N, C-alpha and C. Protein backbone atom coordinates (compact mmCIF):
# COMPACT_ATOMS: atom_id res chain seq x y z
N GLN A 1 7.66 17.17 27.83
CA GLN A 1 6.84 17.76 26.78
C GLN A 1 5.77 16.78 26.32
N MET A 2 6.16 15.49 26.12
CA MET A 2 5.20 14.51 25.67
C MET A 2 4.10 14.29 26.70
N LYS A 3 4.48 14.28 27.98
CA LYS A 3 3.49 14.06 29.04
C LYS A 3 2.46 15.18 29.07
N THR A 4 2.92 16.43 28.99
CA THR A 4 1.97 17.54 29.02
C THR A 4 1.11 17.57 27.77
N ASN A 5 1.66 17.14 26.63
CA ASN A 5 0.86 17.05 25.41
C ASN A 5 -0.27 16.04 25.57
N ILE A 6 0.04 14.92 26.22
CA ILE A 6 -0.98 13.90 26.46
C ILE A 6 -2.05 14.44 27.40
N TYR A 7 -1.63 15.14 28.46
CA TYR A 7 -2.61 15.72 29.39
C TYR A 7 -3.53 16.70 28.67
N TYR A 8 -2.95 17.48 27.75
CA TYR A 8 -3.78 18.45 27.04
C TYR A 8 -4.76 17.75 26.10
N LYS A 9 -4.29 16.71 25.43
CA LYS A 9 -5.19 15.95 24.56
C LYS A 9 -6.33 15.34 25.36
N MET A 10 -6.01 14.84 26.56
CA MET A 10 -7.05 14.27 27.41
C MET A 10 -8.03 15.34 27.87
N ALA A 11 -7.52 16.53 28.18
CA ALA A 11 -8.40 17.63 28.59
C ALA A 11 -9.36 17.98 27.45
N GLU A 12 -8.85 18.05 26.24
CA GLU A 12 -9.69 18.33 25.08
C GLU A 12 -10.76 17.26 24.90
N TYR A 13 -10.36 16.01 25.10
CA TYR A 13 -11.32 14.91 24.98
C TYR A 13 -12.42 15.04 26.04
N PHE A 14 -12.02 15.30 27.29
CA PHE A 14 -13.00 15.44 28.37
C PHE A 14 -13.94 16.61 28.11
N ILE A 15 -13.40 17.70 27.60
CA ILE A 15 -14.25 18.87 27.30
C ILE A 15 -15.28 18.52 26.23
N SER A 16 -14.86 17.76 25.22
CA SER A 16 -15.78 17.37 24.15
C SER A 16 -16.91 16.49 24.67
N LYS A 17 -16.65 15.78 25.77
CA LYS A 17 -17.66 14.90 26.37
C LYS A 17 -18.36 15.58 27.55
N GLU A 18 -18.06 16.87 27.75
CA GLU A 18 -18.62 17.66 28.87
C GLU A 18 -18.29 17.03 30.23
N MET A 19 -17.11 16.41 30.29
CA MET A 19 -16.61 15.84 31.55
C MET A 19 -15.64 16.87 32.15
N TYR A 20 -16.21 17.98 32.61
CA TYR A 20 -15.42 19.14 32.99
C TYR A 20 -14.54 18.93 34.23
N PRO A 21 -14.98 18.24 35.28
CA PRO A 21 -14.07 18.01 36.41
C PRO A 21 -12.81 17.24 35.99
N GLN A 22 -13.00 16.26 35.10
CA GLN A 22 -11.85 15.48 34.63
C GLN A 22 -10.93 16.35 33.76
N ALA A 23 -11.54 17.19 32.93
CA ALA A 23 -10.75 18.09 32.08
C ALA A 23 -9.95 19.07 32.93
N LYS A 24 -10.58 19.60 33.97
CA LYS A 24 -9.90 20.56 34.85
C LYS A 24 -8.70 19.90 35.52
N SER A 25 -8.86 18.63 35.89
CA SER A 25 -7.76 17.90 36.52
C SER A 25 -6.56 17.81 35.58
N GLU A 26 -6.79 17.57 34.30
CA GLU A 26 -5.69 17.46 33.33
C GLU A 26 -4.99 18.82 33.14
N ILE A 27 -5.76 19.89 33.07
CA ILE A 27 -5.19 21.22 32.90
C ILE A 27 -4.33 21.60 34.11
N LEU A 28 -4.79 21.25 35.28
CA LEU A 28 -4.03 21.58 36.49
C LEU A 28 -2.75 20.75 36.58
N LYS A 29 -2.75 19.54 36.01
CA LYS A 29 -1.52 18.73 35.96
C LYS A 29 -0.46 19.44 35.12
N ILE A 30 -0.90 19.99 34.00
CA ILE A 30 0.03 20.71 33.14
C ILE A 30 0.61 21.92 33.86
N GLN A 31 -0.26 22.66 34.52
CA GLN A 31 0.18 23.84 35.27
C GLN A 31 1.21 23.45 36.33
N LYS A 32 0.97 22.37 37.03
CA LYS A 32 1.87 21.91 38.09
C LYS A 32 3.24 21.53 37.52
N ILE A 33 3.26 20.78 36.41
CA ILE A 33 4.52 20.35 35.81
C ILE A 33 5.32 21.55 35.32
N LYS A 34 4.66 22.46 34.62
CA LYS A 34 5.36 23.64 34.08
C LYS A 34 5.89 24.53 35.21
N THR A 35 5.11 24.68 36.26
CA THR A 35 5.53 25.52 37.38
C THR A 35 6.72 24.92 38.11
N GLU A 36 6.66 23.62 38.37
CA GLU A 36 7.75 22.94 39.09
C GLU A 36 9.05 22.96 38.30
N ASN A 37 8.95 23.01 36.97
CA ASN A 37 10.15 23.01 36.13
C ASN A 37 10.50 24.40 35.61
N SER A 38 9.84 25.42 36.19
CA SER A 38 10.10 26.82 35.81
C SER A 38 9.97 27.03 34.31
N GLN A 39 8.94 26.42 33.72
CA GLN A 39 8.69 26.53 32.30
C GLN A 39 7.45 27.38 32.04
N LYS A 40 7.41 27.98 30.88
CA LYS A 40 6.27 28.80 30.49
C LYS A 40 5.05 27.92 30.24
N ILE A 41 3.92 28.30 30.79
CA ILE A 41 2.68 27.58 30.53
C ILE A 41 2.15 28.02 29.17
N PRO A 42 1.89 27.09 28.27
CA PRO A 42 1.44 27.45 26.92
C PRO A 42 0.16 28.30 26.95
N ASP A 43 0.06 29.19 26.00
CA ASP A 43 -1.10 30.08 25.94
C ASP A 43 -2.41 29.31 25.81
N LYS A 44 -2.38 28.21 25.05
CA LYS A 44 -3.61 27.44 24.87
C LYS A 44 -4.08 26.82 26.19
N VAL A 45 -3.12 26.56 27.11
CA VAL A 45 -3.49 26.05 28.43
C VAL A 45 -4.01 27.20 29.30
N LEU A 46 -3.31 28.33 29.28
CA LEU A 46 -3.72 29.48 30.08
C LEU A 46 -5.13 29.96 29.71
N SER A 47 -5.47 29.84 28.44
CA SER A 47 -6.79 30.30 28.00
C SER A 47 -7.92 29.48 28.63
N LYS A 48 -7.61 28.23 28.98
CA LYS A 48 -8.64 27.38 29.58
C LYS A 48 -9.07 27.90 30.96
N PHE A 49 -8.16 28.55 31.67
CA PHE A 49 -8.47 29.05 33.02
C PHE A 49 -9.60 30.08 33.00
N ASN A 50 -9.80 30.74 31.86
CA ASN A 50 -10.82 31.78 31.77
C ASN A 50 -12.13 31.29 31.15
N GLU A 51 -12.15 30.06 30.74
CA GLU A 51 -13.36 29.53 30.14
C GLU A 51 -14.40 29.18 31.20
N THR A 52 -15.66 29.33 30.85
CA THR A 52 -16.76 29.17 31.82
C THR A 52 -16.75 27.79 32.47
N TRP A 53 -16.55 26.76 31.68
CA TRP A 53 -16.58 25.41 32.23
C TRP A 53 -15.52 25.23 33.31
N PHE A 54 -14.33 25.84 33.09
CA PHE A 54 -13.22 25.69 34.05
C PHE A 54 -13.56 26.43 35.35
N VAL A 55 -14.05 27.65 35.23
CA VAL A 55 -14.36 28.47 36.40
C VAL A 55 -15.46 27.84 37.25
N ASN A 56 -16.44 27.24 36.60
CA ASN A 56 -17.62 26.73 37.32
C ASN A 56 -17.52 25.27 37.74
N SER A 57 -16.42 24.60 37.39
CA SER A 57 -16.32 23.17 37.67
C SER A 57 -15.46 22.89 38.90
N GLU A 58 -15.87 21.82 39.62
CA GLU A 58 -14.99 21.25 40.64
C GLU A 58 -13.90 20.47 39.90
N VAL A 59 -12.87 20.13 40.62
CA VAL A 59 -11.81 19.35 39.99
C VAL A 59 -11.93 17.89 40.41
N SER A 60 -11.77 17.01 39.46
CA SER A 60 -11.81 15.57 39.74
C SER A 60 -10.59 15.20 40.58
N SER A 61 -10.83 14.38 41.60
CA SER A 61 -9.72 13.97 42.49
C SER A 61 -8.72 13.08 41.75
N SER A 62 -9.21 12.29 40.81
CA SER A 62 -8.33 11.40 40.04
C SER A 62 -9.07 10.90 38.80
N ASN A 63 -8.31 10.75 37.72
CA ASN A 63 -8.88 10.18 36.49
C ASN A 63 -8.40 8.76 36.24
N VAL A 64 -7.80 8.17 37.27
CA VAL A 64 -7.21 6.83 37.13
C VAL A 64 -8.24 5.80 36.72
N ASP A 65 -9.42 5.84 37.31
CA ASP A 65 -10.45 4.86 36.98
C ASP A 65 -10.86 4.95 35.51
N PHE A 66 -10.93 6.18 35.01
CA PHE A 66 -11.26 6.35 33.59
C PHE A 66 -10.19 5.73 32.72
N TYR A 67 -8.92 5.96 33.07
CA TYR A 67 -7.82 5.40 32.28
C TYR A 67 -7.87 3.87 32.29
N LYS A 68 -8.15 3.28 33.43
CA LYS A 68 -8.21 1.82 33.53
C LYS A 68 -9.35 1.27 32.69
N ASP A 69 -10.52 1.92 32.78
CA ASP A 69 -11.70 1.43 32.06
C ASP A 69 -11.57 1.60 30.55
N ASN A 70 -10.72 2.53 30.11
CA ASN A 70 -10.62 2.84 28.69
C ASN A 70 -9.23 2.59 28.12
N SER A 71 -8.47 1.73 28.77
CA SER A 71 -7.09 1.49 28.32
C SER A 71 -7.04 0.97 26.90
N GLY A 72 -8.03 0.18 26.50
CA GLY A 72 -8.06 -0.36 25.15
C GLY A 72 -8.36 0.67 24.08
N ARG A 73 -8.88 1.83 24.50
CA ARG A 73 -9.24 2.89 23.56
C ARG A 73 -8.26 4.06 23.61
N ALA A 74 -7.13 3.86 24.27
CA ALA A 74 -6.19 4.96 24.49
C ALA A 74 -5.73 5.59 23.18
N ASP A 75 -5.38 4.75 22.20
CA ASP A 75 -4.92 5.28 20.91
C ASP A 75 -5.99 6.14 20.27
N GLN A 76 -7.22 5.62 20.29
CA GLN A 76 -8.33 6.33 19.65
C GLN A 76 -8.58 7.69 20.31
N ILE A 77 -8.47 7.72 21.64
CA ILE A 77 -8.74 8.96 22.38
C ILE A 77 -7.62 9.98 22.19
N LEU A 78 -6.38 9.52 22.34
CA LEU A 78 -5.25 10.45 22.33
C LEU A 78 -4.81 10.88 20.95
N TYR A 79 -4.89 9.96 19.99
CA TYR A 79 -4.26 10.24 18.71
C TYR A 79 -5.24 10.11 17.53
N ALA A 80 -6.49 10.41 17.79
CA ALA A 80 -7.51 10.29 16.75
C ALA A 80 -7.21 11.17 15.54
N ASP A 81 -6.49 12.27 15.76
CA ASP A 81 -6.18 13.19 14.67
C ASP A 81 -4.89 12.83 13.92
N ILE A 82 -4.22 11.77 14.36
CA ILE A 82 -2.97 11.34 13.71
C ILE A 82 -3.22 10.02 12.99
N PRO A 83 -3.03 9.96 11.69
CA PRO A 83 -3.32 8.72 10.95
C PRO A 83 -2.38 7.59 11.35
N SER A 84 -2.90 6.38 11.37
CA SER A 84 -2.08 5.21 11.68
C SER A 84 -1.55 4.59 10.39
N GLU A 85 -0.45 3.88 10.52
CA GLU A 85 0.17 3.19 9.39
C GLU A 85 0.56 1.79 9.82
N ASP A 86 0.46 0.84 8.89
CA ASP A 86 0.93 -0.51 9.14
C ASP A 86 2.36 -0.65 8.63
N ILE A 87 3.19 -1.30 9.42
CA ILE A 87 4.59 -1.52 9.03
C ILE A 87 4.95 -2.99 9.22
N PHE A 88 5.91 -3.45 8.44
CA PHE A 88 6.38 -4.84 8.51
C PHE A 88 7.72 -4.87 9.21
N VAL A 89 7.84 -5.70 10.24
CA VAL A 89 9.08 -5.80 11.03
C VAL A 89 9.99 -6.85 10.42
N TYR A 90 11.20 -6.44 10.01
CA TYR A 90 12.12 -7.40 9.40
C TYR A 90 13.38 -7.65 10.23
N TYR A 91 13.55 -6.91 11.31
CA TYR A 91 14.70 -7.17 12.19
C TYR A 91 14.36 -6.70 13.59
N VAL A 92 14.74 -7.50 14.60
CA VAL A 92 14.52 -7.14 16.00
C VAL A 92 15.79 -7.39 16.79
N ASN A 93 16.27 -6.36 17.47
CA ASN A 93 17.37 -6.50 18.42
C ASN A 93 16.74 -6.49 19.81
N SER A 94 16.52 -7.68 20.37
CA SER A 94 15.79 -7.79 21.63
C SER A 94 16.59 -7.25 22.81
N GLU A 95 17.91 -7.18 22.69
CA GLU A 95 18.73 -6.65 23.78
C GLU A 95 18.64 -5.12 23.84
N LYS A 96 18.76 -4.49 22.70
CA LYS A 96 18.70 -3.03 22.64
C LYS A 96 17.27 -2.50 22.46
N LYS A 97 16.32 -3.45 22.23
CA LYS A 97 14.91 -3.08 22.06
C LYS A 97 14.73 -2.16 20.84
N ILE A 98 15.37 -2.55 19.75
CA ILE A 98 15.27 -1.79 18.51
C ILE A 98 14.70 -2.70 17.42
N LEU A 99 13.80 -2.18 16.61
CA LEU A 99 13.29 -2.94 15.48
C LEU A 99 13.44 -2.12 14.20
N ASN A 100 13.65 -2.84 13.10
CA ASN A 100 13.70 -2.23 11.77
C ASN A 100 12.43 -2.63 11.01
N PHE A 101 11.93 -1.71 10.20
CA PHE A 101 10.64 -1.96 9.56
C PHE A 101 10.63 -1.46 8.11
N ILE A 102 9.63 -1.98 7.38
CA ILE A 102 9.35 -1.55 6.01
C ILE A 102 7.92 -1.00 6.00
N LYS A 103 7.74 0.19 5.45
CA LYS A 103 6.41 0.77 5.31
C LYS A 103 5.75 0.21 4.05
N THR A 104 4.46 0.48 3.90
CA THR A 104 3.73 -0.04 2.74
C THR A 104 4.28 0.51 1.43
N ASN A 105 4.90 1.69 1.47
CA ASN A 105 5.49 2.28 0.26
C ASN A 105 6.97 1.96 0.11
N ASP A 106 7.45 0.99 0.91
CA ASP A 106 8.83 0.50 0.89
C ASP A 106 9.85 1.45 1.51
N GLU A 107 9.41 2.51 2.16
CA GLU A 107 10.34 3.28 2.97
C GLU A 107 10.75 2.43 4.17
N ILE A 108 11.98 2.60 4.61
CA ILE A 108 12.48 1.81 5.74
C ILE A 108 12.85 2.73 6.90
N GLY A 109 12.87 2.15 8.11
CA GLY A 109 13.24 2.92 9.28
C GLY A 109 13.44 2.01 10.48
N PHE A 110 13.69 2.63 11.62
CA PHE A 110 13.84 1.86 12.86
C PHE A 110 13.45 2.74 14.03
N PHE A 111 13.13 2.11 15.15
CA PHE A 111 12.88 2.85 16.39
C PHE A 111 13.03 1.93 17.59
N LYS A 112 13.22 2.54 18.76
CA LYS A 112 13.27 1.80 20.02
C LYS A 112 11.84 1.58 20.48
N TYR A 113 11.47 0.30 20.63
CA TYR A 113 10.08 -0.01 20.92
C TYR A 113 9.76 -0.11 22.41
N ASP A 114 10.78 -0.05 23.26
CA ASP A 114 10.53 -0.18 24.69
C ASP A 114 10.17 1.16 25.35
N LYS A 115 10.30 2.27 24.62
CA LYS A 115 10.02 3.57 25.22
C LYS A 115 8.54 3.72 25.56
N LEU A 116 7.68 3.13 24.74
CA LEU A 116 6.25 3.19 25.01
C LEU A 116 5.79 2.10 25.96
N ASN A 117 6.38 0.91 25.77
CA ASN A 117 5.96 -0.23 26.58
C ASN A 117 7.15 -1.15 26.80
N PRO A 118 7.79 -1.08 27.99
CA PRO A 118 8.99 -1.89 28.25
C PRO A 118 8.76 -3.40 28.13
N SER A 119 7.52 -3.85 28.29
CA SER A 119 7.25 -5.29 28.24
C SER A 119 6.72 -5.74 26.88
N PHE A 120 6.73 -4.84 25.90
CA PHE A 120 6.19 -5.16 24.58
C PHE A 120 7.02 -6.26 23.92
N LYS A 121 6.34 -7.28 23.38
CA LYS A 121 6.99 -8.40 22.71
C LYS A 121 6.73 -8.31 21.22
N VAL A 122 7.78 -8.29 20.44
CA VAL A 122 7.64 -8.20 18.99
C VAL A 122 8.62 -9.16 18.33
N CYS A 123 8.20 -9.73 17.21
CA CYS A 123 9.02 -10.71 16.51
C CYS A 123 9.18 -10.32 15.04
N VAL A 124 10.21 -10.86 14.43
CA VAL A 124 10.41 -10.70 13.00
C VAL A 124 9.18 -11.21 12.27
N SER A 125 8.75 -10.49 11.26
CA SER A 125 7.58 -10.74 10.39
C SER A 125 6.27 -10.31 11.01
N ASN A 126 6.31 -9.74 12.23
CA ASN A 126 5.10 -9.13 12.80
C ASN A 126 4.72 -7.89 11.99
N ILE A 127 3.45 -7.59 12.00
CA ILE A 127 2.96 -6.34 11.41
C ILE A 127 2.43 -5.48 12.53
N LEU A 128 2.91 -4.24 12.59
CA LEU A 128 2.51 -3.31 13.63
C LEU A 128 1.71 -2.16 13.02
N GLN A 129 0.72 -1.74 13.77
CA GLN A 129 0.02 -0.50 13.42
C GLN A 129 0.57 0.58 14.33
N VAL A 130 1.14 1.61 13.74
CA VAL A 130 1.81 2.65 14.52
C VAL A 130 1.28 4.02 14.13
N ARG A 131 1.47 4.96 15.04
CA ARG A 131 1.25 6.37 14.76
C ARG A 131 2.58 7.08 14.96
N PHE A 132 3.11 7.64 13.90
CA PHE A 132 4.42 8.28 13.95
C PHE A 132 4.33 9.68 14.55
N ALA A 133 5.20 9.93 15.54
CA ALA A 133 5.42 11.30 15.99
C ALA A 133 6.39 11.97 15.02
N ASN A 134 7.34 11.14 14.54
CA ASN A 134 8.31 11.63 13.55
C ASN A 134 8.91 10.43 12.84
N PHE A 135 8.73 10.36 11.52
CA PHE A 135 9.34 9.28 10.74
C PHE A 135 10.66 9.77 10.14
N SER A 136 11.68 8.92 10.23
CA SER A 136 12.98 9.25 9.65
C SER A 136 13.54 8.03 8.95
N ALA A 137 14.02 8.24 7.73
CA ALA A 137 14.66 7.15 6.99
C ALA A 137 16.14 7.03 7.33
N GLU A 138 16.68 8.01 8.04
CA GLU A 138 18.10 8.02 8.37
C GLU A 138 18.36 7.70 9.84
N GLY A 139 17.72 8.45 10.75
CA GLY A 139 17.89 8.21 12.18
C GLY A 139 16.68 7.49 12.75
N PRO A 140 16.65 7.36 14.07
CA PRO A 140 15.51 6.66 14.70
C PRO A 140 14.21 7.44 14.54
N SER A 141 13.15 6.73 14.21
CA SER A 141 11.82 7.33 14.17
C SER A 141 11.26 7.39 15.58
N LYS A 142 10.26 8.24 15.78
CA LYS A 142 9.56 8.33 17.05
C LYS A 142 8.10 8.04 16.83
N ILE A 143 7.50 7.30 17.75
CA ILE A 143 6.10 6.92 17.57
C ILE A 143 5.28 7.27 18.81
N TYR A 144 3.99 7.48 18.57
CA TYR A 144 3.06 7.74 19.66
C TYR A 144 2.44 6.44 20.18
N SER A 145 2.19 5.51 19.27
CA SER A 145 1.50 4.28 19.66
C SER A 145 1.88 3.14 18.73
N MET A 146 1.68 1.91 19.20
CA MET A 146 1.95 0.73 18.38
C MET A 146 1.16 -0.45 18.91
N LYS A 147 0.74 -1.31 18.01
CA LYS A 147 0.10 -2.56 18.39
C LYS A 147 0.23 -3.55 17.24
N ILE A 148 0.24 -4.83 17.57
CA ILE A 148 0.35 -5.88 16.57
C ILE A 148 -1.02 -6.08 15.91
N VAL A 149 -1.01 -6.11 14.57
CA VAL A 149 -2.25 -6.27 13.82
C VAL A 149 -2.04 -7.28 12.70
N GLU A 150 -3.12 -7.58 11.98
CA GLU A 150 -3.06 -8.41 10.79
C GLU A 150 -3.23 -7.52 9.56
N ASN A 151 -2.42 -7.77 8.55
CA ASN A 151 -2.55 -7.07 7.28
C ASN A 151 -2.07 -8.04 6.21
N GLU A 152 -3.02 -8.73 5.58
CA GLU A 152 -2.68 -9.80 4.66
C GLU A 152 -1.91 -9.30 3.45
N ASP A 153 -2.26 -8.13 2.94
CA ASP A 153 -1.56 -7.59 1.77
C ASP A 153 -0.10 -7.31 2.08
N LEU A 154 0.14 -6.70 3.24
CA LEU A 154 1.52 -6.38 3.64
C LEU A 154 2.31 -7.65 3.94
N LYS A 155 1.62 -8.63 4.51
CA LYS A 155 2.26 -9.91 4.81
C LYS A 155 2.68 -10.63 3.53
N GLN A 156 1.77 -10.67 2.55
CA GLN A 156 2.07 -11.36 1.29
C GLN A 156 3.16 -10.64 0.50
N LYS A 157 3.23 -9.34 0.66
CA LYS A 157 4.26 -8.57 -0.05
C LYS A 157 5.65 -8.87 0.49
N ASN A 158 5.73 -9.18 1.79
CA ASN A 158 7.04 -9.30 2.45
C ASN A 158 7.40 -10.70 2.92
N THR A 159 6.52 -11.66 2.72
CA THR A 159 6.86 -13.05 3.04
C THR A 159 6.29 -13.97 1.95
N LYS A 160 6.91 -15.12 1.80
CA LYS A 160 6.39 -16.10 0.86
C LYS A 160 6.96 -17.48 1.18
N ILE A 161 6.30 -18.50 0.69
CA ILE A 161 6.76 -19.88 0.86
C ILE A 161 7.57 -20.28 -0.37
N VAL A 162 8.73 -20.87 -0.13
CA VAL A 162 9.61 -21.32 -1.22
C VAL A 162 9.89 -22.80 -1.04
N LYS A 163 9.78 -23.55 -2.13
CA LYS A 163 10.07 -24.98 -2.11
C LYS A 163 11.16 -25.29 -3.13
N GLY A 164 12.02 -26.25 -2.79
CA GLY A 164 13.06 -26.64 -3.73
C GLY A 164 14.15 -27.46 -3.09
N VAL A 165 15.13 -27.81 -3.91
CA VAL A 165 16.28 -28.58 -3.42
C VAL A 165 17.32 -27.60 -2.91
N PHE A 166 17.71 -27.81 -1.67
CA PHE A 166 18.68 -26.92 -1.04
C PHE A 166 20.09 -27.38 -1.36
N LYS A 167 20.93 -26.42 -1.77
CA LYS A 167 22.30 -26.74 -2.14
C LYS A 167 23.28 -25.97 -1.27
N ILE A 168 24.28 -26.68 -0.73
CA ILE A 168 25.35 -26.05 0.05
C ILE A 168 26.64 -26.13 -0.76
N ASN A 169 27.35 -25.00 -0.88
CA ASN A 169 28.60 -25.02 -1.63
C ASN A 169 29.79 -25.26 -0.70
N GLU A 170 30.96 -25.30 -1.29
CA GLU A 170 32.17 -25.64 -0.53
C GLU A 170 32.55 -24.58 0.50
N LYS A 171 32.01 -23.36 0.39
CA LYS A 171 32.32 -22.30 1.33
C LYS A 171 31.40 -22.31 2.56
N GLY A 172 30.41 -23.17 2.54
CA GLY A 172 29.57 -23.33 3.74
C GLY A 172 28.22 -22.67 3.69
N PHE A 173 28.02 -21.76 2.76
CA PHE A 173 26.68 -21.17 2.63
C PHE A 173 25.93 -21.89 1.52
N GLY A 174 24.65 -21.55 1.36
CA GLY A 174 23.86 -22.28 0.39
C GLY A 174 22.84 -21.42 -0.33
N PHE A 175 22.05 -22.11 -1.19
CA PHE A 175 21.01 -21.43 -1.95
C PHE A 175 19.80 -22.34 -2.09
N ILE A 176 18.63 -21.70 -2.09
CA ILE A 176 17.40 -22.38 -2.48
C ILE A 176 16.64 -21.45 -3.41
N GLU A 177 16.42 -21.91 -4.63
CA GLU A 177 15.73 -21.08 -5.64
C GLU A 177 16.38 -19.69 -5.76
N ASN A 178 17.71 -19.68 -5.81
CA ASN A 178 18.51 -18.44 -5.96
C ASN A 178 18.45 -17.51 -4.76
N ILE A 179 17.96 -18.00 -3.64
CA ILE A 179 17.95 -17.20 -2.41
C ILE A 179 19.13 -17.64 -1.55
N TYR A 180 19.95 -16.68 -1.19
CA TYR A 180 21.15 -16.95 -0.39
C TYR A 180 20.77 -17.37 1.03
N VAL A 181 21.47 -18.38 1.55
CA VAL A 181 21.26 -18.86 2.92
C VAL A 181 22.60 -18.89 3.63
N SER A 182 22.73 -18.14 4.70
CA SER A 182 24.01 -18.05 5.41
C SER A 182 24.31 -19.33 6.17
N GLN A 183 25.58 -19.50 6.51
CA GLN A 183 26.00 -20.68 7.28
C GLN A 183 25.31 -20.71 8.65
N LYS A 184 25.11 -19.54 9.25
CA LYS A 184 24.44 -19.48 10.54
C LYS A 184 23.00 -19.96 10.43
N THR A 185 22.30 -19.55 9.36
CA THR A 185 20.92 -19.99 9.15
C THR A 185 20.87 -21.48 8.88
N ILE A 186 21.83 -21.99 8.14
CA ILE A 186 21.89 -23.43 7.85
C ILE A 186 21.98 -24.22 9.16
N GLU A 187 22.85 -23.74 10.06
CA GLU A 187 23.01 -24.42 11.35
C GLU A 187 21.78 -24.28 12.22
N ASN A 188 21.22 -23.08 12.28
CA ASN A 188 20.06 -22.84 13.14
C ASN A 188 18.83 -23.64 12.71
N LEU A 189 18.65 -23.79 11.39
CA LEU A 189 17.47 -24.50 10.88
C LEU A 189 17.76 -25.96 10.54
N ASP A 190 19.00 -26.39 10.77
CA ASP A 190 19.41 -27.78 10.52
C ASP A 190 19.11 -28.18 9.07
N LEU A 191 19.63 -27.41 8.14
CA LEU A 191 19.42 -27.68 6.73
C LEU A 191 20.54 -28.57 6.19
N HIS A 192 20.20 -29.41 5.22
CA HIS A 192 21.17 -30.37 4.69
C HIS A 192 21.27 -30.26 3.18
N ASN A 193 22.46 -30.53 2.66
CA ASN A 193 22.71 -30.46 1.23
C ASN A 193 21.84 -31.45 0.47
N ASN A 194 21.30 -31.01 -0.68
CA ASN A 194 20.45 -31.82 -1.56
C ASN A 194 19.13 -32.23 -0.92
N GLU A 195 18.77 -31.55 0.14
CA GLU A 195 17.50 -31.84 0.81
C GLU A 195 16.38 -31.03 0.15
N TYR A 196 15.24 -31.68 -0.12
CA TYR A 196 14.08 -30.96 -0.64
C TYR A 196 13.36 -30.34 0.56
N ILE A 197 13.27 -29.01 0.57
CA ILE A 197 12.71 -28.34 1.73
C ILE A 197 11.66 -27.31 1.33
N THR A 198 10.84 -26.98 2.32
CA THR A 198 9.88 -25.90 2.19
C THR A 198 10.21 -24.89 3.27
N VAL A 199 10.44 -23.64 2.87
CA VAL A 199 10.86 -22.62 3.84
C VAL A 199 10.01 -21.36 3.70
N LEU A 200 9.93 -20.64 4.80
CA LEU A 200 9.32 -19.32 4.78
C LEU A 200 10.43 -18.30 4.61
N VAL A 201 10.31 -17.43 3.63
CA VAL A 201 11.31 -16.40 3.41
C VAL A 201 10.69 -15.02 3.61
N MET A 202 11.53 -14.09 4.00
CA MET A 202 11.07 -12.75 4.35
C MET A 202 11.89 -11.72 3.59
N ARG A 203 11.22 -10.66 3.16
CA ARG A 203 11.91 -9.57 2.48
C ARG A 203 12.50 -8.63 3.51
N LYS A 204 13.74 -8.23 3.31
CA LYS A 204 14.40 -7.30 4.21
C LYS A 204 15.25 -6.34 3.39
N PHE A 205 15.67 -5.25 4.03
CA PHE A 205 16.54 -4.30 3.33
C PHE A 205 17.98 -4.52 3.76
N SER A 206 18.84 -4.70 2.77
CA SER A 206 20.26 -4.89 3.02
C SER A 206 20.98 -3.56 2.90
N ARG A 207 21.50 -3.05 4.01
CA ARG A 207 22.25 -1.79 3.95
C ARG A 207 23.57 -1.98 3.20
N LYS A 208 24.10 -3.20 3.24
CA LYS A 208 25.34 -3.48 2.52
C LYS A 208 25.13 -3.36 1.01
N ASN A 209 24.05 -3.95 0.51
CA ASN A 209 23.77 -3.93 -0.91
C ASN A 209 22.84 -2.80 -1.33
N GLN A 210 22.30 -2.09 -0.32
CA GLN A 210 21.37 -0.99 -0.59
C GLN A 210 20.19 -1.41 -1.47
N ASP A 211 19.64 -2.58 -1.11
CA ASP A 211 18.51 -3.08 -1.88
C ASP A 211 17.74 -4.10 -1.02
N PHE A 212 16.53 -4.43 -1.45
CA PHE A 212 15.76 -5.45 -0.76
C PHE A 212 16.22 -6.83 -1.23
N GLU A 213 16.18 -7.78 -0.30
CA GLU A 213 16.53 -9.15 -0.63
C GLU A 213 15.70 -10.09 0.24
N TRP A 214 15.69 -11.36 -0.15
CA TRP A 214 14.92 -12.36 0.59
C TRP A 214 15.83 -13.14 1.53
N GLU A 215 15.28 -13.47 2.69
CA GLU A 215 16.04 -14.21 3.70
C GLU A 215 15.19 -15.37 4.24
N VAL A 216 15.79 -16.54 4.35
CA VAL A 216 15.09 -17.69 4.93
C VAL A 216 14.99 -17.48 6.44
N ILE A 217 13.77 -17.59 6.97
CA ILE A 217 13.60 -17.39 8.41
C ILE A 217 13.02 -18.61 9.13
N ARG A 218 12.43 -19.53 8.35
CA ARG A 218 11.82 -20.68 9.02
C ARG A 218 11.70 -21.85 8.05
N LYS A 219 11.96 -23.03 8.59
CA LYS A 219 11.77 -24.26 7.81
C LYS A 219 10.40 -24.82 8.13
N LYS A 220 9.64 -25.10 7.09
CA LYS A 220 8.29 -25.62 7.28
C LYS A 220 8.37 -27.14 7.38
N ARG A 221 7.65 -27.67 8.35
CA ARG A 221 7.63 -29.13 8.52
C ARG A 221 6.73 -29.75 7.44
N PRO A 222 7.18 -30.86 6.88
CA PRO A 222 6.34 -31.54 5.86
C PRO A 222 5.08 -32.08 6.50
N ARG A 223 3.98 -32.01 5.75
CA ARG A 223 2.72 -32.55 6.24
C ARG A 223 2.75 -34.08 6.18
N ILE A 224 2.22 -34.67 7.21
CA ILE A 224 2.19 -36.15 7.26
C ILE A 224 0.86 -36.65 6.72
């Protein structure tokens, strides 16, 4: 379904640019897929067969060159009618290819990011510009497109620099400026008791506490 939707969007784009052979090629792709899968061809596709441009046009042998030349504009061409949103990534499961995010209005969600691009690299605290096919606060969201962008307001809202004396208690975890630091983070960042440190902290949503909280993600090196 998604593939045929993309072909139809491309056909509409080609028609708007009077690139009729290329548009005809996309319409015929849809017809081929629907026929091979014994599915009904949508009425909006069937109507194209009777339009003057379709009847009078040759069919393009391939649109591959166009796709290659315009790969950087794919989002703009395919999803121009769908608004984009910036989201803040606060958790990444690189094995399952799942990321959790915070929207600008503090709604939270997650989605599998490898479905669009298996080689996509994303890290905690990245900001992505996405177009949602379906946003869900409970189950996985679905997206049409994603790319890493800069958004200073969203970054400042969800990250900050904290300085202070780090304290470790007898149970093994610690605090800096009332921010909890787990034993695993202490070990990973090589933090020491009574050490004056500068750290980058990130806002995340705790499902256990059902609230936002700050987490230390990086130790900043002192300037020499």
